[in-house]
Protein backbone atom coordinates (compact mmCIF):
# COMPACT_ATOMS: atom_id res chain seq x y z
CA UNK A 1 0.11 -0.17 -0.13
CA UNK A 2 2.45 2.51 1.11
CA UNK A 3 6.35 2.82 1.03
CA UNK A 4 8.90 5.15 1.96
CA UNK A 5 12.24 4.97 1.29
CA UNK A 6 15.72 6.97 1.94
CA UNK A 7 14.62 8.96 -0.95
CA UNK A 8 10.97 9.69 0.29
CA UNK A 9 7.91 8.15 0.28
CA UNK A 10 7.16 6.55 -3.22
CA UNK A 11 3.31 7.17 -3.71
CA UNK A 12 1.35 10.14 -2.43
CA UNK A 13 -2.40 9.05 -1.26
CA UNK A 14 -5.48 9.70 0.55
CA UNK A 15 -6.53 7.93 2.64
CA UNK A 16 -9.68 7.67 4.61
CA UNK A 17 -9.83 6.02 7.91
CA UNK A 18 -13.28 4.69 8.98
CA UNK A 19 -13.29 6.21 12.75
CA UNK A 20 -15.46 3.24 14.64
CA UNK A 21 -13.31 0.63 13.11
CA UNK A 22 -10.48 2.30 13.64
CA UNK A 23 -11.25 2.29 17.61
CA UNK A 24 -11.66 -1.21 17.54
CA UNK A 25 -8.17 -1.58 15.50
CA UNK A 26 -6.44 0.47 18.07
CA UNK A 27 -7.94 -1.13 21.13
CA UNK A 28 -7.04 -4.82 19.92
CA UNK A 29 -3.49 -4.09 18.45
CA UNK A 30 -1.57 -0.58 20.25
CA UNK A 31 -3.43 -0.86 24.34
CA UNK A 32 -1.16 -1.92 26.74
CA UNK A 33 -1.02 -3.68 30.00
CA UNK A 34 0.57 -0.66 31.40
CA UNK A 35 -2.49 1.20 31.41
CA UNK A 36 -5.17 -0.97 32.39
CA UNK A 37 -6.32 -0.36 35.45
CA UNK A 38 -6.84 -3.31 38.52
CA UNK A 39 -9.98 -4.29 36.98
CA UNK A 40 -8.10 -5.76 33.96
CA UNK A 41 -10.18 -3.20 31.21
CA UNK A 42 -8.57 -1.10 28.98
CA UNK A 43 -8.27 2.47 30.08
CA UNK A 44 -9.04 5.99 28.50
CA UNK A 45 -5.63 6.79 28.80
CA UNK A 46 -4.88 3.66 26.87
CA UNK A 47 -7.02 4.35 24.14
CA UNK A 48 -5.13 7.52 23.59
CA UNK A 49 -1.21 6.58 23.77
CA UNK A 50 -2.44 3.81 20.90
CA UNK A 51 -4.16 6.17 18.79
CA UNK A 52 -0.77 8.31 18.83
CA UNK A 53 1.09 5.45 17.83
CA UNK A 54 -0.94 3.87 15.45
CA UNK A 55 -1.22 7.54 13.61
CA UNK A 56 2.81 7.98 14.06
CA UNK A 57 3.27 4.86 12.30
CA UNK A 58 0.46 5.79 9.41
CA UNK A 59 1.88 9.33 9.22
CA UNK A 60 5.77 7.74 8.78
CA UNK A 61 5.00 6.10 5.65
CA UNK A 62 2.16 8.10 4.18
CA UNK A 63 4.65 11.33 4.09
CA UNK A 64 4.43 14.73 4.33
CA UNK A 65 2.12 14.82 0.77
CA UNK A 66 -0.22 12.08 1.96
CA UNK A 67 -3.63 13.19 3.36
CA UNK A 68 -5.17 11.31 6.08
CA UNK A 69 -8.93 11.84 6.80
CA UNK A 70 -10.62 10.11 9.79
CA UNK A 71 -14.11 10.17 9.66
CA UNK A 72 -16.15 9.55 12.48
CA UNK A 73 -20.16 8.48 12.73
CA UNK A 74 -22.37 11.49 13.17
CA UNK A 75 -26.42 10.69 14.09
CA UNK A 76 -27.96 7.94 12.94
CA UNK A 77 -31.10 8.28 11.17
CA UNK A 78 -34.38 8.22 12.93
CA UNK A 79 -35.01 3.94 11.34
CA UNK A 80 -31.72 2.98 12.98
CA UNK A 81 -32.26 4.37 16.49
CA UNK A 82 -34.34 2.02 18.18
CA UNK A 83 -32.64 -0.78 16.89
CA UNK A 84 -29.05 1.04 18.29
CA UNK A 85 -30.49 1.62 21.71
CA UNK A 86 -31.40 -1.95 22.16
CA UNK A 87 -27.78 -3.17 20.47
CA UNK A 88 -26.40 -0.45 23.18
CA UNK A 89 -27.95 -2.51 25.82
CA UNK A 90 -27.11 -5.79 24.55
CA UNK A 91 -23.53 -4.77 24.32
CA UNK A 92 -23.54 -3.25 28.19
CA UNK A 93 -25.02 -6.33 29.49
CA UNK A 94 -22.52 -9.01 27.71
CA UNK A 95 -19.47 -6.36 28.27
CA UNK A 96 -20.27 -6.44 32.24
CA UNK A 97 -20.42 -10.14 31.80
CA UNK A 98 -17.18 -10.08 29.74
CA UNK A 99 -15.57 -7.43 32.14
CA UNK A 100 -15.92 -9.75 35.04
CA UNK A 101 -14.53 -12.66 33.57
CA UNK A 102 -11.41 -10.84 32.49
CA UNK A 103 -11.31 -9.96 35.86
CA UNK A 104 -11.15 -13.13 37.36
CA UNK A 105 -9.46 -14.99 34.86
CA UNK A 106 -5.63 -15.55 34.64
CA UNK A 107 -3.77 -14.51 31.28
CA UNK A 108 -6.92 -13.11 29.41
CA UNK A 109 -7.03 -11.58 26.16
CA UNK A 110 -10.10 -10.07 26.74
CA UNK A 111 -10.60 -6.99 26.36
CA UNK A 112 -13.26 -4.18 26.37
CA UNK A 113 -13.40 -0.41 25.29
CA UNK A 114 -14.33 2.14 28.29
CA UNK A 115 -16.81 4.70 29.00
CA UNK A 116 -14.72 7.27 26.86
CA UNK A 117 -12.93 5.29 24.34
CA UNK A 118 -14.30 7.70 21.72
CA UNK A 119 -13.50 10.66 23.27
CA UNK A 120 -9.93 9.51 24.27
CA UNK A 121 -9.58 8.58 20.21
CA UNK A 122 -10.86 11.68 19.52
CA UNK A 123 -8.81 13.66 22.28
CA UNK A 124 -5.64 11.70 20.71
CA UNK A 125 -6.28 13.03 16.92
CA UNK A 126 -7.26 16.64 17.74
CA UNK A 127 -3.45 17.00 19.79
CA UNK A 128 -2.47 15.57 16.19
CA UNK A 129 -4.10 17.82 14.07
CA UNK A 130 -2.19 20.71 16.28
CA UNK A 131 1.32 19.92 14.59
CA UNK A 132 0.41 17.79 11.51
CA UNK A 133 -1.63 19.50 8.43
CA UNK A 134 -1.86 16.06 6.70
CA UNK A 135 -4.30 14.84 8.97
CA UNK A 136 -8.00 15.76 9.16
CA UNK A 137 -10.77 14.83 11.54
CA UNK A 138 -14.16 14.87 10.31
CA UNK A 139 -17.33 14.69 12.69
CA UNK A 140 -20.27 14.87 10.56
CA UNK A 141 -23.90 15.67 12.35
CA UNK A 142 -25.91 13.16 10.39
CA UNK A 143 -24.92 9.92 9.03
CA UNK A 144 -22.64 6.69 9.39
CA UNK A 145 -18.62 7.70 8.17
CA UNK A 146 -19.46 5.22 4.98
CA UNK A 147 -21.69 7.63 3.89
CA UNK A 148 -19.74 10.89 4.14
CA UNK A 149 -16.40 9.37 2.86
CA UNK A 150 -18.22 7.87 -0.36
CA UNK A 151 -20.42 11.25 -1.13
CA UNK A 152 -16.98 13.26 -0.11
CA UNK A 153 -15.18 11.33 -2.79
CA UNK A 154 -17.93 11.56 -5.31
CA UNK A 155 -17.88 15.37 -4.91
CA UNK A 156 -14.09 15.89 -5.08
CA UNK A 157 -14.42 13.41 -8.08
CA UNK A 158 -11.24 11.82 -6.47
CA UNK A 159 -8.90 9.42 -8.43
CA UNK A 160 -9.78 5.95 -7.36
CA UNK A 161 -6.07 4.62 -7.65
CA UNK A 162 -4.53 7.02 -5.43
CA UNK A 163 -7.40 6.27 -2.80
CA UNK A 164 -7.63 4.20 0.14
CA UNK A 165 -9.99 3.27 2.60
CA UNK A 166 -9.30 1.63 5.71
CA UNK A 167 -12.42 -0.36 7.16
CA UNK A 168 -13.99 -2.93 8.79
CA UNK A 169 -16.95 -2.47 7.52
CA UNK A 170 -18.65 -3.82 4.15
CA UNK A 171 -20.95 -1.56 3.78
CA UNK A 172 -18.85 0.77 1.81
CA UNK A 173 -18.45 -1.80 -1.38
CA UNK A 174 -22.09 -0.69 -2.09
CA UNK A 175 -20.96 2.77 -3.22
CA UNK A 176 -19.90 3.27 -6.78
CA UNK A 177 -17.55 5.94 -5.79
CA UNK A 178 -15.32 3.59 -3.54
CA UNK A 179 -12.87 1.54 -4.88
CA UNK A 180 -12.71 -0.81 -2.05
CA UNK A 181 -11.50 -1.16 1.32
CA UNK A 182 -8.57 -2.41 3.13
CA UNK A 183 -9.69 -3.69 6.33
CA UNK A 184 -7.92 -2.79 9.77
CA UNK A 185 -7.12 -6.39 10.80
CA UNK A 186 -5.22 -7.23 7.52
CA UNK A 187 -2.85 -3.58 8.56
CA UNK A 188 0.91 -4.63 8.63
CA UNK A 189 3.45 -2.30 9.75
CA UNK A 190 6.83 -3.85 8.58
CA UNK A 191 10.64 -2.83 7.88
CA UNK A 192 12.88 -4.09 4.73
CA UNK A 193 16.10 -3.14 5.06
CA UNK A 194 15.94 1.15 5.57
CA UNK A 195 12.05 0.93 3.76
CA UNK A 196 9.39 1.25 5.84
CA UNK A 197 6.18 -0.36 4.60
CA UNK A 198 2.42 -0.87 5.08
CA UNK A 199 0.78 -3.56 3.59
CA UNK A 200 -2.96 -5.14 3.94
CA UNK A 201 -5.09 -6.75 1.74
CA UNK A 202 -8.07 -4.70 -0.96
CA UNK A 203 -10.60 -5.87 -1.39
CA UNK A 204 -11.81 -4.24 -4.60
CA UNK A 205 -15.41 -3.31 -5.47
CA UNK A 206 -15.03 -3.77 -9.00
CA UNK A 207 -14.02 -7.74 -7.80
CA UNK A 208 -16.78 -7.94 -5.45
CA UNK A 209 -19.33 -6.50 -8.04
CA UNK A 210 -18.04 -9.12 -10.60
CA UNK A 211 -19.18 -12.37 -7.97
CA UNK A 212 -22.56 -10.97 -8.65
CA UNK A 213 -22.85 -9.39 -12.07
CA UNK A 214 -19.98 -11.32 -14.18
CA UNK A 215 -21.56 -9.68 -17.64
CA UNK A 216 -20.16 -5.93 -16.11
CA UNK A 217 -16.34 -7.51 -17.22
């Protein structure tokens, strides 16, 4: 996806990061034991430091000309609100059971997000914005991140060959303006000699559509 060599970054790209997916990715991959409270749960401090660590690595491989856009979810349509409220209630119950299990099980790899996890990530991003011009945080009033990103790409006529969307949400694949998605869980930062690289699996929308409509080829 991205490669930084001694001569600089090989390709300048625009990267959109799905905020909700990024939050879970940071919690699972960049949180540290040092920031866990006594009950064994992730703390907001862990989310903050994990966000900074991930963004620093991404900024380094994307280079000064690369554009990073983190997009959060806005208020959902009223048709979805009731379902989301019920889902939150179910998750709260499940997380309570999970948290108690984590606190009583030695060596457990189980993690639960703290109450202010999203606020901690946003605070970290806002601090980064103060010194890095290539990082942008979008917090739309309404709608979900994928809708905002799809409309942004359509409105700006962005060349899809230079656009990457990092997300674990396959809803992106229904939008014609989105070239595809790169799941957060597939991302891997590596060093080859003196070159620093970011690799991942790129699920192209064009390939996805061909699976359902072979005649499009």
